[in-house]
Amino acid sequence: MKQILVPTDFSENSFNALAYAVAFYKNTACTFYIMNIGALSESGIATNGFALNYNAIDLPSKMELLEEKIQEISKNNTSKLHLFYGLQEFGNFIDIIRKTIVEKKIDLIVMGTKGTSTLKNTFIGSNTEDVITKVAANLLIVPKKCKFQPLHKIVFPTNFNNFYSFDILQSLTEILRISNGVLEVMSVMVTEKLNSSQEKNKNYLHEYLDEVFEDRYHFYSEKNKNVKDAIEDFTITHAIDMTIMAAKNLNYLQQLLFNSTIKRISKHTKIPVFVLHE
């Protein structure tokens, strides 16, 4: 049973991300934990020294709203392999996420690109960016209004600087098996040739894919191009349906996600991004 955490601020984007994940894992047994994280000031608990004063009037409101939404989702979901639970927590967003990952043995976090409080000129919200950089868990980022479509082509941008651990390859394998898509491994050459370490990592990945997905992968190399522009151009010209990136490849992540603005939204920012952690 796959354990999936979906933080929600009750925005359309957060529930759209949930709908995408439900469709992607329609044939996989999953438990979805849909969690709202509020500030401590919203908890209805006021502290005064050692005394605690409880204001129970507003406390159940968001949980009741969450339960109503879960009933609606459960009713409309056709898969008998899925379970849905609501969670309500109060406190620091990242601390709560980390605690929940341990307590619920979470395998994957699913988030929209941004929520209701995000500045309009950014692609991903601050909470999503914090999860990418501060939480060691796989993350599926679903852009606004992105609806699930069968994944025919998946791009894996890499500079071959990092060794591909068992966890990364296992996650990559799961995604390819569920989607039945083709993996396009693409690199952007900033030097004339790969160094010995890069060559070793490339060959290792090549051998692994050749053994597991013999006819379902290709390697591409782009030269003399900005990394961000190269990935975006590749995504458009090859009709890519999803991007997979290794979290430890921060250089690619920062260029592709953190610096994106609405003015520069391209084909890439309209497709899901799967960020893999070790």
C-alpha atoms as a PDB file:
ATOM      1  CA  MET A   1       0.000   0.000   0.000  1.00  0.00           C
ATOM      2  CA  LYS A   2       1.510   3.321  -1.105  1.00  0.00           C
ATOM      3  CA  GLN A   3       1.179   6.143   1.430  1.00  0.00           C
ATOM      4  CA  ILE A   4       0.612   9.555  -0.174  1.00  0.00           C
ATOM      5  CA  LEU A   5       0.428  12.910   1.594  1.00  0.00           C
ATOM      6  CA  VAL A   6      -1.454  15.778  -0.048  1.00  0.00           C
ATOM      7  CA  PRO A   7      -1.221  19.109   1.811  1.00  0.00           C
ATOM      8  CA  THR A   8      -4.166  21.371   1.029  1.00  0.00           C
ATOM      9  CA  ASP A   9      -5.075  24.984   1.699  1.00  0.00           C
ATOM     10  CA  PHE A  10      -8.482  24.275   0.128  1.00  0.00           C
ATOM     11  CA  SER A  11      -7.340  25.937  -3.106  1.00  0.00           C
ATOM     12  CA  GLU A  12      -8.326  24.639  -6.524  1.00  0.00           C
ATOM     13  CA  ASN A  13      -4.640  23.918  -7.239  1.00  0.00           C
ATOM     14  CA  SER A  14      -4.213  21.606  -4.253  1.00  0.00           C
ATOM     15  CA  PHE A  15      -7.294  19.522  -5.069  1.00  0.00           C
ATOM     16  CA  ASN A  16      -6.322  19.448  -8.742  1.00  0.00           C
ATOM     17  CA  ALA A  17      -2.956  17.985  -7.680  1.00  0.00           C
ATOM     18  CA  LEU A  18      -4.821  15.335  -5.682  1.00  0.00           C
ATOM     19  CA  ALA A  19      -7.027  14.486  -8.671  1.00  0.00           C
ATOM     20  CA  TYR A  20      -3.928  14.048 -10.851  1.00  0.00           C
ATOM     21  CA  ALA A  21      -2.306  11.693  -8.328  1.00  0.00           C
ATOM     22  CA  VAL A  22      -5.506   9.669  -7.957  1.00  0.00           C
ATOM     23  CA  ALA A  23      -5.647   9.200 -11.741  1.00  0.00           C
ATOM     24  CA  PHE A  24      -1.934   8.409 -12.060  1.00  0.00           C
ATOM     25  CA  TYR A  25      -2.117   5.719  -9.346  1.00  0.00           C
ATOM     26  CA  LYS A  26      -5.548   4.385 -10.340  1.00  0.00           C
ATOM     27  CA  ASN A  27      -4.229   0.813 -10.523  1.00  0.00           C
ATOM     28  CA  THR A  28      -2.041   1.076  -7.420  1.00  0.00           C
ATOM     29  CA  ALA A  29      -3.218   0.458  -3.853  1.00  0.00           C
ATOM     30  CA  CYS A  30      -2.857   3.825  -2.104  1.00  0.00           C
ATOM     31  CA  THR A  31      -3.796   5.606   1.081  1.00  0.00           C
ATOM     32  CA  PHE A  32      -4.189   9.343   0.532  1.00  0.00           C
ATOM     33  CA  TYR A  33      -3.757  11.591   3.571  1.00  0.00           C
ATOM     34  CA  ILE A  34      -5.253  14.986   2.757  1.00  0.00           C
ATOM     35  CA  MET A  35      -3.876  17.403   5.310  1.00  0.00           C
ATOM     36  CA  ASN A  36      -4.588  21.024   6.138  1.00  0.00           C
ATOM     37  CA  ILE A  37      -1.868  22.802   8.120  1.00  0.00           C
ATOM     38  CA  GLY A  38      -2.936  25.969   9.892  1.00  0.00           C
ATOM     39  CA  ALA A  39      -1.016  28.487  11.944  1.00  0.00           C
ATOM     40  CA  LEU A  40      -0.970  27.995  15.700  1.00  0.00           C
ATOM     41  CA  SER A  41      -3.056  31.158  15.974  1.00  0.00           C
ATOM     42  CA  GLU A  42      -5.834  29.314  14.118  1.00  0.00           C
ATOM     43  CA  SER A  43      -5.802  26.315  16.430  1.00  0.00           C
ATOM     44  CA  GLY A  44      -8.242  27.757  18.941  1.00  0.00           C
ATOM     45  CA  ILE A  45      -5.671  27.254  21.691  1.00  0.00           C
ATOM     46  CA  ALA A  46      -4.383  30.275  23.554  1.00  0.00           C
ATOM     47  CA  THR A  47      -1.515  30.000  26.005  1.00  0.00           C
ATOM     48  CA  ASN A  48      -1.055  32.041  29.163  1.00  0.00           C
ATOM     49  CA  GLY A  49       1.860  30.751  31.192  1.00  0.00           C
ATOM     50  CA  PHE A  50       0.967  27.169  32.132  1.00  0.00           C
ATOM     51  CA  ALA A  51      -2.712  27.679  31.428  1.00  0.00           C
ATOM     52  CA  LEU A  52      -4.352  26.580  28.173  1.00  0.00           C
ATOM     53  CA  ASN A  53      -7.598  28.139  27.025  1.00  0.00           C
ATOM     54  CA  TYR A  54      -9.538  26.238  24.366  1.00  0.00           C
ATOM     55  CA  ASN A  55     -11.804  27.987  21.902  1.00  0.00           C
ATOM     56  CA  ALA A  56     -13.739  25.078  20.444  1.00  0.00           C
ATOM     57  CA  ILE A  57     -16.111  27.179  18.346  1.00  0.00           C
ATOM     58  CA  ASP A  58     -13.888  27.506  15.258  1.00  0.00           C
ATOM     59  CA  LEU A  59     -11.703  24.405  15.773  1.00  0.00           C
ATOM     60  CA  PRO A  60     -13.818  21.849  13.862  1.00  0.00           C
ATOM     61  CA  SER A  61     -14.684  24.093  10.904  1.00  0.00           C
ATOM     62  CA  LYS A  62     -11.781  23.266   8.573  1.00  0.00           C
ATOM     63  CA  MET A  63     -11.834  19.601   9.565  1.00  0.00           C
ATOM     64  CA  GLU A  64     -15.528  19.424   8.749  1.00  0.00           C
ATOM     65  CA  LEU A  65     -14.837  21.056   5.385  1.00  0.00           C
ATOM     66  CA  LEU A  66     -12.048  18.557   4.777  1.00  0.00           C
ATOM     67  CA  GLU A  67     -14.279  15.599   5.651  1.00  0.00           C
ATOM     68  CA  GLU A  68     -16.944  16.873   3.262  1.00  0.00           C
ATOM     69  CA  LYS A  69     -14.359  17.138   0.491  1.00  0.00           C
ATOM     70  CA  ILE A  70     -13.080  13.625   1.209  1.00  0.00           C
ATOM     71  CA  GLN A  71     -16.599  12.205   1.016  1.00  0.00           C
ATOM     72  CA  GLU A  72     -17.022  13.911  -2.353  1.00  0.00           C
ATOM     73  CA  ILE A  73     -13.690  12.581  -3.625  1.00  0.00           C
ATOM     74  CA  SER A  74     -14.412   9.040  -2.370  1.00  0.00           C
ATOM     75  CA  LYS A  75     -17.839   9.072  -4.013  1.00  0.00           C
ATOM     76  CA  ASN A  76     -16.438  10.131  -7.389  1.00  0.00           C
ATOM     77  CA  ASN A  77     -13.387   7.850  -7.296  1.00  0.00           C
ATOM     78  CA  THR A  78     -13.939   4.637  -9.241  1.00  0.00           C
ATOM     79  CA  SER A  79     -10.872   2.799  -7.925  1.00  0.00           C
ATOM     80  CA  LYS A  80     -11.432   0.328  -5.103  1.00  0.00           C
ATOM     81  CA  LEU A  81      -7.702   0.423  -4.377  1.00  0.00           C
ATOM     82  CA  HIS A  82      -7.771   3.892  -2.797  1.00  0.00           C
ATOM     83  CA  LEU A  83      -8.444   5.047   0.757  1.00  0.00           C
ATOM     84  CA  PHE A  84      -8.798   8.704   1.802  1.00  0.00           C
ATOM     85  CA  TYR A  85      -8.245  10.249   5.240  1.00  0.00           C
ATOM     86  CA  GLY A  86      -8.325  13.840   6.423  1.00  0.00           C
ATOM     87  CA  LEU A  87      -5.747  15.337   8.774  1.00  0.00           C
ATOM     88  CA  GLN A  88      -5.702  18.719  10.458  1.00  0.00           C
ATOM     89  CA  GLU A  89      -2.556  20.081  12.080  1.00  0.00           C
ATOM     90  CA  PHE A  90      -1.404  23.421  13.416  1.00  0.00           C
ATOM     91  CA  GLY A  91       2.142  24.738  13.511  1.00  0.00           C
ATOM     92  CA  ASN A  92       5.172  25.178  11.283  1.00  0.00           C
ATOM     93  CA  PHE A  93       4.457  23.812   7.801  1.00  0.00           C
ATOM     94  CA  ILE A  94       7.762  21.967   7.258  1.00  0.00           C
ATOM     95  CA  ASP A  95       7.903  20.605  10.810  1.00  0.00           C
ATOM     96  CA  ILE A  96       4.395  19.161  10.441  1.00  0.00           C
ATOM     97  CA  ILE A  97       5.248  17.644   7.039  1.00  0.00           C
ATOM     98  CA  ARG A  98       8.365  15.966   8.455  1.00  0.00           C
ATOM     99  CA  LYS A  99       6.475  14.628  11.471  1.00  0.00           C
ATOM    100  CA  THR A 100       3.677  13.241   9.300  1.00  0.00           C
ATOM    101  CA  ILE A 101       6.144  11.513   6.966  1.00  0.00           C
ATOM    102  CA  VAL A 102       7.504   9.547   9.905  1.00  0.00           C
ATOM    103  CA  GLU A 103       4.177   8.839  11.611  1.00  0.00           C
ATOM    104  CA  LYS A 104       2.321   7.763   8.456  1.00  0.00           C
ATOM    105  CA  LYS A 105       5.329   6.249   6.653  1.00  0.00           C
ATOM    106  CA  ILE A 106       4.735   8.531   3.684  1.00  0.00           C
ATOM    107  CA  ASP A 107       6.171   7.466   0.309  1.00  0.00           C
ATOM    108  CA  LEU A 108       5.165  10.505  -1.713  1.00  0.00           C
ATOM    109  CA  ILE A 109       4.038  14.112  -1.253  1.00  0.00           C
ATOM    110  CA  VAL A 110       1.741  15.657  -3.868  1.00  0.00           C
ATOM    111  CA  MET A 111       1.422  19.430  -4.198  1.00  0.00           C
ATOM    112  CA  GLY A 112       0.153  22.021  -6.643  1.00  0.00           C
ATOM    113  CA  THR A 113       2.523  24.609  -8.045  1.00  0.00           C
ATOM    114  CA  LYS A 114       1.099  27.240  -5.723  1.00  0.00           C
ATOM    115  CA  GLY A 115      -1.745  27.865  -3.323  1.00  0.00           C
ATOM    116  CA  THR A 116      -4.144  30.658  -2.523  1.00  0.00           C
ATOM    117  CA  SER A 117      -1.625  32.888  -0.752  1.00  0.00           C
ATOM    118  CA  THR A 118       1.226  32.655  -3.274  1.00  0.00           C
ATOM    119  CA  LEU A 119       2.429  35.764  -5.082  1.00  0.00           C
ATOM    120  CA  LYS A 120       1.043  35.822  -8.600  1.00  0.00           C
ATOM    121  CA  ASN A 121       4.377  36.339 -10.349  1.00  0.00           C
ATOM    122  CA  THR A 122       5.918  33.042  -9.266  1.00  0.00           C
ATOM    123  CA  PHE A 123       5.573  29.550 -10.694  1.00  0.00           C
ATOM    124  CA  ILE A 124       5.932  27.482  -7.505  1.00  0.00           C
ATOM    125  CA  GLY A 125       4.839  28.655  -4.075  1.00  0.00           C
ATOM    126  CA  SER A 126       7.115  29.056  -1.075  1.00  0.00           C
ATOM    127  CA  ASN A 127       5.680  25.949   0.635  1.00  0.00           C
ATOM    128  CA  THR A 128       6.394  23.795  -2.434  1.00  0.00           C
ATOM    129  CA  GLU A 129       9.920  25.188  -2.711  1.00  0.00           C
ATOM    130  CA  ASP A 130      10.532  24.516   0.990  1.00  0.00           C
ATOM    131  CA  VAL A 131       9.359  20.910   0.616  1.00  0.00           C
ATOM    132  CA  ILE A 132      11.724  20.373  -2.334  1.00  0.00           C
ATOM    133  CA  THR A 133      14.752  21.695  -0.475  1.00  0.00           C
ATOM    134  CA  LYS A 134      14.005  20.787   3.152  1.00  0.00           C
ATOM    135  CA  VAL A 135      12.045  17.513   3.132  1.00  0.00           C
ATOM    136  CA  ALA A 136      13.647  14.192   2.167  1.00  0.00           C
ATOM    137  CA  ALA A 137      10.656  12.656   0.410  1.00  0.00           C
ATOM    138  CA  ASN A 138       9.634  12.193  -3.204  1.00  0.00           C
ATOM    139  CA  LEU A 139       7.451  15.034  -4.429  1.00  0.00           C
ATOM    140  CA  LEU A 140       5.013  15.244  -7.332  1.00  0.00           C
ATOM    141  CA  ILE A 141       4.365  18.867  -8.377  1.00  0.00           C
ATOM    142  CA  VAL A 142       1.229  19.377 -10.472  1.00  0.00           C
ATOM    143  CA  PRO A 143       0.812  22.699 -12.318  1.00  0.00           C
ATOM    144  CA  LYS A 144      -2.384  24.708 -12.213  1.00  0.00           C
ATOM    145  CA  LYS A 145      -5.236  23.170 -14.246  1.00  0.00           C
ATOM    146  CA  CYS A 146      -3.030  20.265 -15.383  1.00  0.00           C
ATOM    147  CA  LYS A 147      -5.265  17.256 -16.032  1.00  0.00           C
ATOM    148  CA  PHE A 148      -4.009  13.700 -16.149  1.00  0.00           C
ATOM    149  CA  GLN A 149      -3.205  12.317 -19.576  1.00  0.00           C
ATOM    150  CA  PRO A 150      -1.436   9.038 -20.402  1.00  0.00           C
ATOM    151  CA  LEU A 151       2.316   9.545 -20.155  1.00  0.00           C
ATOM    152  CA  HIS A 152       3.942   8.664 -23.448  1.00  0.00           C
ATOM    153  CA  LYS A 153       7.252  10.486 -22.966  1.00  0.00           C
ATOM    154  CA  ILE A 154       9.046  11.362 -19.729  1.00  0.00           C
ATOM    155  CA  VAL A 155      12.211  13.455 -19.619  1.00  0.00           C
ATOM    156  CA  PHE A 156      14.980  12.947 -17.064  1.00  0.00           C
ATOM    157  CA  PRO A 157      17.369  15.948 -17.237  1.00  0.00           C
ATOM    158  CA  THR A 158      20.768  15.262 -15.703  1.00  0.00           C
ATOM    159  CA  ASN A 159      24.362  16.447 -15.888  1.00  0.00           C
ATOM    160  CA  PHE A 160      25.680  13.038 -14.764  1.00  0.00           C
ATOM    161  CA  ASN A 161      27.467  14.655 -11.829  1.00  0.00           C
ATOM    162  CA  ASN A 162      25.720  12.477  -9.279  1.00  0.00           C
ATOM    163  CA  PHE A 163      25.706   8.739  -8.748  1.00  0.00           C
ATOM    164  CA  TYR A 164      22.257   7.180  -9.220  1.00  0.00           C
ATOM    165  CA  SER A 165      21.434   5.519  -5.923  1.00  0.00           C
ATOM    166  CA  PHE A 166      19.148   2.532  -5.442  1.00  0.00           C
ATOM    167  CA  ASP A 167      16.373   4.799  -4.121  1.00  0.00           C
ATOM    168  CA  ILE A 168      16.501   7.055  -7.183  1.00  0.00           C
ATOM    169  CA  LEU A 169      16.514   4.148  -9.625  1.00  0.00           C
ATOM    170  CA  GLN A 170      13.737   2.341  -7.749  1.00  0.00           C
ATOM    171  CA  SER A 171      11.520   5.446  -7.883  1.00  0.00           C
ATOM    172  CA  LEU A 172      12.358   5.970 -11.550  1.00  0.00           C
ATOM    173  CA  THR A 173      11.458   2.351 -12.268  1.00  0.00           C
ATOM    174  CA  GLU A 174       8.118   2.619 -10.473  1.00  0.00           C
ATOM    175  CA  ILE A 175       7.098   5.697 -12.457  1.00  0.00           C
ATOM    176  CA  LEU A 176       8.028   4.081 -15.774  1.00  0.00           C
ATOM    177  CA  ARG A 177       6.178   0.882 -14.933  1.00  0.00           C
ATOM    178  CA  ILE A 178       3.019   2.693 -13.850  1.00  0.00           C
ATOM    179  CA  SER A 179       3.020   5.040 -16.838  1.00  0.00           C
ATOM    180  CA  ASN A 180       4.349   2.582 -19.429  1.00  0.00           C
ATOM    181  CA  GLY A 181       6.033   5.590 -21.015  1.00  0.00           C
ATOM    182  CA  VAL A 182       9.386   6.104 -22.708  1.00  0.00           C
ATOM    183  CA  LEU A 183      12.215   7.740 -20.750  1.00  0.00           C
ATOM    184  CA  GLU A 184      14.209  10.466 -22.495  1.00  0.00           C
ATOM    185  CA  VAL A 185      17.485  11.052 -20.639  1.00  0.00           C
ATOM    186  CA  MET A 186      18.827  14.446 -21.663  1.00  0.00           C
ATOM    187  CA  SER A 187      21.933  16.349 -20.637  1.00  0.00           C
ATOM    188  CA  VAL A 188      23.186  19.843 -21.382  1.00  0.00           C
ATOM    189  CA  MET A 189      26.905  19.921 -22.142  1.00  0.00           C
ATOM    190  CA  VAL A 190      28.637  22.939 -20.628  1.00  0.00           C
ATOM    191  CA  THR A 191      32.078  21.487 -21.373  1.00  0.00           C
ATOM    192  CA  GLU A 192      33.550  19.832 -24.456  1.00  0.00           C
ATOM    193  CA  LYS A 193      33.192  16.356 -22.972  1.00  0.00           C
ATOM    194  CA  LEU A 194      32.176  14.541 -19.796  1.00  0.00           C
ATOM    195  CA  ASN A 195      34.806  13.936 -17.150  1.00  0.00           C
ATOM    196  CA  SER A 196      35.624  10.421 -15.947  1.00  0.00           C
ATOM    197  CA  SER A 197      33.139  10.576 -13.057  1.00  0.00           C
ATOM    198  CA  GLN A 198      30.329  11.763 -15.335  1.00  0.00           C
ATOM    199  CA  GLU A 199      31.134   9.045 -17.872  1.00  0.00           C
ATOM    200  CA  LYS A 200      30.992   6.430 -15.118  1.00  0.00           C
ATOM    201  CA  ASN A 201      27.601   7.655 -13.888  1.00  0.00           C
ATOM    202  CA  LYS A 202      26.239   7.823 -17.426  1.00  0.00           C
ATOM    203  CA  ASN A 203      27.362   4.283 -18.228  1.00  0.00           C
ATOM    204  CA  TYR A 204      25.865   2.995 -14.984  1.00  0.00           C
ATOM    205  CA  LEU A 205      22.487   4.562 -15.789  1.00  0.00           C
ATOM    206  CA  HIS A 206      22.695   3.261 -19.356  1.00  0.00           C
ATOM    207  CA  GLU A 207      23.389  -0.300 -18.184  1.00  0.00           C
ATOM    208  CA  TYR A 208      20.553  -0.175 -15.648  1.00  0.00           C
ATOM    209  CA  LEU A 209      17.993   1.076 -18.161  1.00  0.00           C
ATOM    210  CA  ASP A 210      19.190  -1.396 -20.769  1.00  0.00           C
ATOM    211  CA  GLU A 211      18.525  -4.222 -18.336  1.00  0.00           C
ATOM    212  CA  VAL A 212      15.167  -3.013 -16.980  1.00  0.00           C
ATOM    213  CA  PHE A 213      13.646  -1.034 -19.893  1.00  0.00           C
ATOM    214  CA  GLU A 214      15.546  -2.235 -22.931  1.00  0.00           C
ATOM    215  CA  ASP A 215      13.413  -0.584 -25.625  1.00  0.00           C
ATOM    216  CA  ARG A 216      11.933   2.283 -23.645  1.00  0.00           C
ATOM    217  CA  TYR A 217      14.687   4.849 -23.212  1.00  0.00           C
ATOM    218  CA  HIS A 218      16.927   7.185 -25.209  1.00  0.00           C
ATOM    219  CA  PHE A 219      19.905   9.395 -24.412  1.00  0.00           C
ATOM    220  CA  TYR A 220      20.183  12.943 -25.780  1.00  0.00           C
ATOM    221  CA  SER A 221      22.823  15.636 -25.400  1.00  0.00           C
ATOM    222  CA  GLU A 222      22.443  19.373 -25.984  1.00  0.00           C
ATOM    223  CA  LYS A 223      25.458  21.664 -26.387  1.00  0.00           C
ATOM    224  CA  ASN A 224      26.128  25.365 -25.945  1.00  0.00           C
ATOM    225  CA  LYS A 225      22.708  26.183 -24.509  1.00  0.00           C
ATOM    226  CA  ASN A 226      21.399  27.603 -21.275  1.00  0.00           C
ATOM    227  CA  VAL A 227      20.263  24.687 -19.095  1.00  0.00           C
ATOM    228  CA  LYS A 228      16.770  26.049 -18.504  1.00  0.00           C
ATOM    229  CA  ASP A 229      16.205  26.940 -22.164  1.00  0.00           C
ATOM    230  CA  ALA A 230      17.576  23.589 -23.315  1.00  0.00           C
ATOM    231  CA  ILE A 231      15.225  21.609 -21.065  1.00  0.00           C
ATOM    232  CA  GLU A 232      12.225  23.729 -22.022  1.00  0.00           C
ATOM    233  CA  ASP A 233      13.007  23.440 -25.754  1.00  0.00           C
ATOM    234  CA  PHE A 234      13.469  19.691 -25.415  1.00  0.00           C
ATOM    235  CA  THR A 235      10.150  19.392 -23.590  1.00  0.00           C
ATOM    236  CA  ILE A 236       8.341  21.120 -26.437  1.00  0.00           C
ATOM    237  CA  THR A 237      10.077  19.481 -29.406  1.00  0.00           C
ATOM    238  CA  HIS A 238       9.747  15.965 -27.954  1.00  0.00           C
ATOM    239  CA  ALA A 239       6.153  16.375 -26.687  1.00  0.00           C
ATOM    240  CA  ILE A 240       7.125  15.512 -23.100  1.00  0.00           C
ATOM    241  CA  ASP A 241       4.328  14.638 -20.644  1.00  0.00           C
ATOM    242  CA  MET A 242       6.291  14.647 -17.360  1.00  0.00           C
ATOM    243  CA  THR A 243       9.690  15.713 -16.022  1.00  0.00           C
ATOM    244  CA  ILE A 244      11.619  13.655 -13.464  1.00  0.00           C
ATOM    245  CA  MET A 245      14.495  15.259 -11.583  1.00  0.00           C
ATOM    246  CA  ALA A 246      16.835  14.133  -8.817  1.00  0.00           C
ATOM    247  CA  ALA A 247      16.565  16.438  -5.802  1.00  0.00           C
ATOM    248  CA  LYS A 248      20.319  16.457  -5.253  1.00  0.00           C
ATOM    249  CA  ASN A 249      20.780  17.958  -8.704  1.00  0.00           C
ATOM    250  CA  LEU A 250      20.013  21.382  -7.244  1.00  0.00           C
ATOM    251  CA  ASN A 251      21.577  23.274 -10.127  1.00  0.00           C
ATOM    252  CA  TYR A 252      18.975  21.969 -12.576  1.00  0.00           C
ATOM    253  CA  LEU A 253      16.130  22.311 -10.079  1.00  0.00           C
ATOM    254  CA  GLN A 254      16.934  25.910  -9.255  1.00  0.00           C
ATOM    255  CA  GLN A 255      17.196  26.953 -12.874  1.00  0.00           C
ATOM    256  CA  LEU A 256      14.102  25.100 -13.970  1.00  0.00           C
ATOM    257  CA  LEU A 257      11.706  25.744 -11.087  1.00  0.00           C
ATOM    258  CA  PHE A 258      12.787  28.375  -8.594  1.00  0.00           C
ATOM    259  CA  ASN A 259      13.483  31.133 -11.117  1.00  0.00           C
ATOM    260  CA  SER A 260      10.379  30.600 -13.240  1.00  0.00           C
ATOM    261  CA  THR A 261       7.886  33.447 -13.487  1.00  0.00           C
ATOM    262  CA  ILE A 262       4.490  33.716 -15.095  1.00  0.00           C
ATOM    263  CA  LYS A 263       5.991  35.832 -17.874  1.00  0.00           C
ATOM    264  CA  ARG A 264       8.268  32.931 -18.846  1.00  0.00           C
ATOM    265  CA  ILE A 265       5.812  30.080 -18.483  1.00  0.00           C
ATOM    266  CA  SER A 266       6.411  27.552 -21.219  1.00  0.00           C
ATOM    267  CA  LYS A 267       5.282  24.080 -22.173  1.00  0.00           C
ATOM    268  CA  HIS A 268       7.486  22.726 -19.403  1.00  0.00           C
ATOM    269  CA  THR A 269       5.695  24.526 -16.596  1.00  0.00           C
ATOM    270  CA  LYS A 270       2.386  23.064 -17.743  1.00  0.00           C
ATOM    271  CA  ILE A 271       3.415  19.469 -17.120  1.00  0.00           C
ATOM    272  CA  PRO A 272       4.024  17.654 -13.790  1.00  0.00           C
ATOM    273  CA  VAL A 273       7.463  17.480 -12.206  1.00  0.00           C
ATOM    274  CA  PHE A 274       8.497  14.456 -10.156  1.00  0.00           C
ATOM    275  CA  VAL A 275      11.325  15.307  -7.737  1.00  0.00           C
ATOM    276  CA  LEU A 276      13.129  12.214  -6.453  1.00  0.00           C
ATOM    277  CA  HIS A 277      14.970  12.032  -3.138  1.00  0.00           C
ATOM    278  CA  GLU A 278      17.311   9.360  -1.838  1.00  0.00           C
END
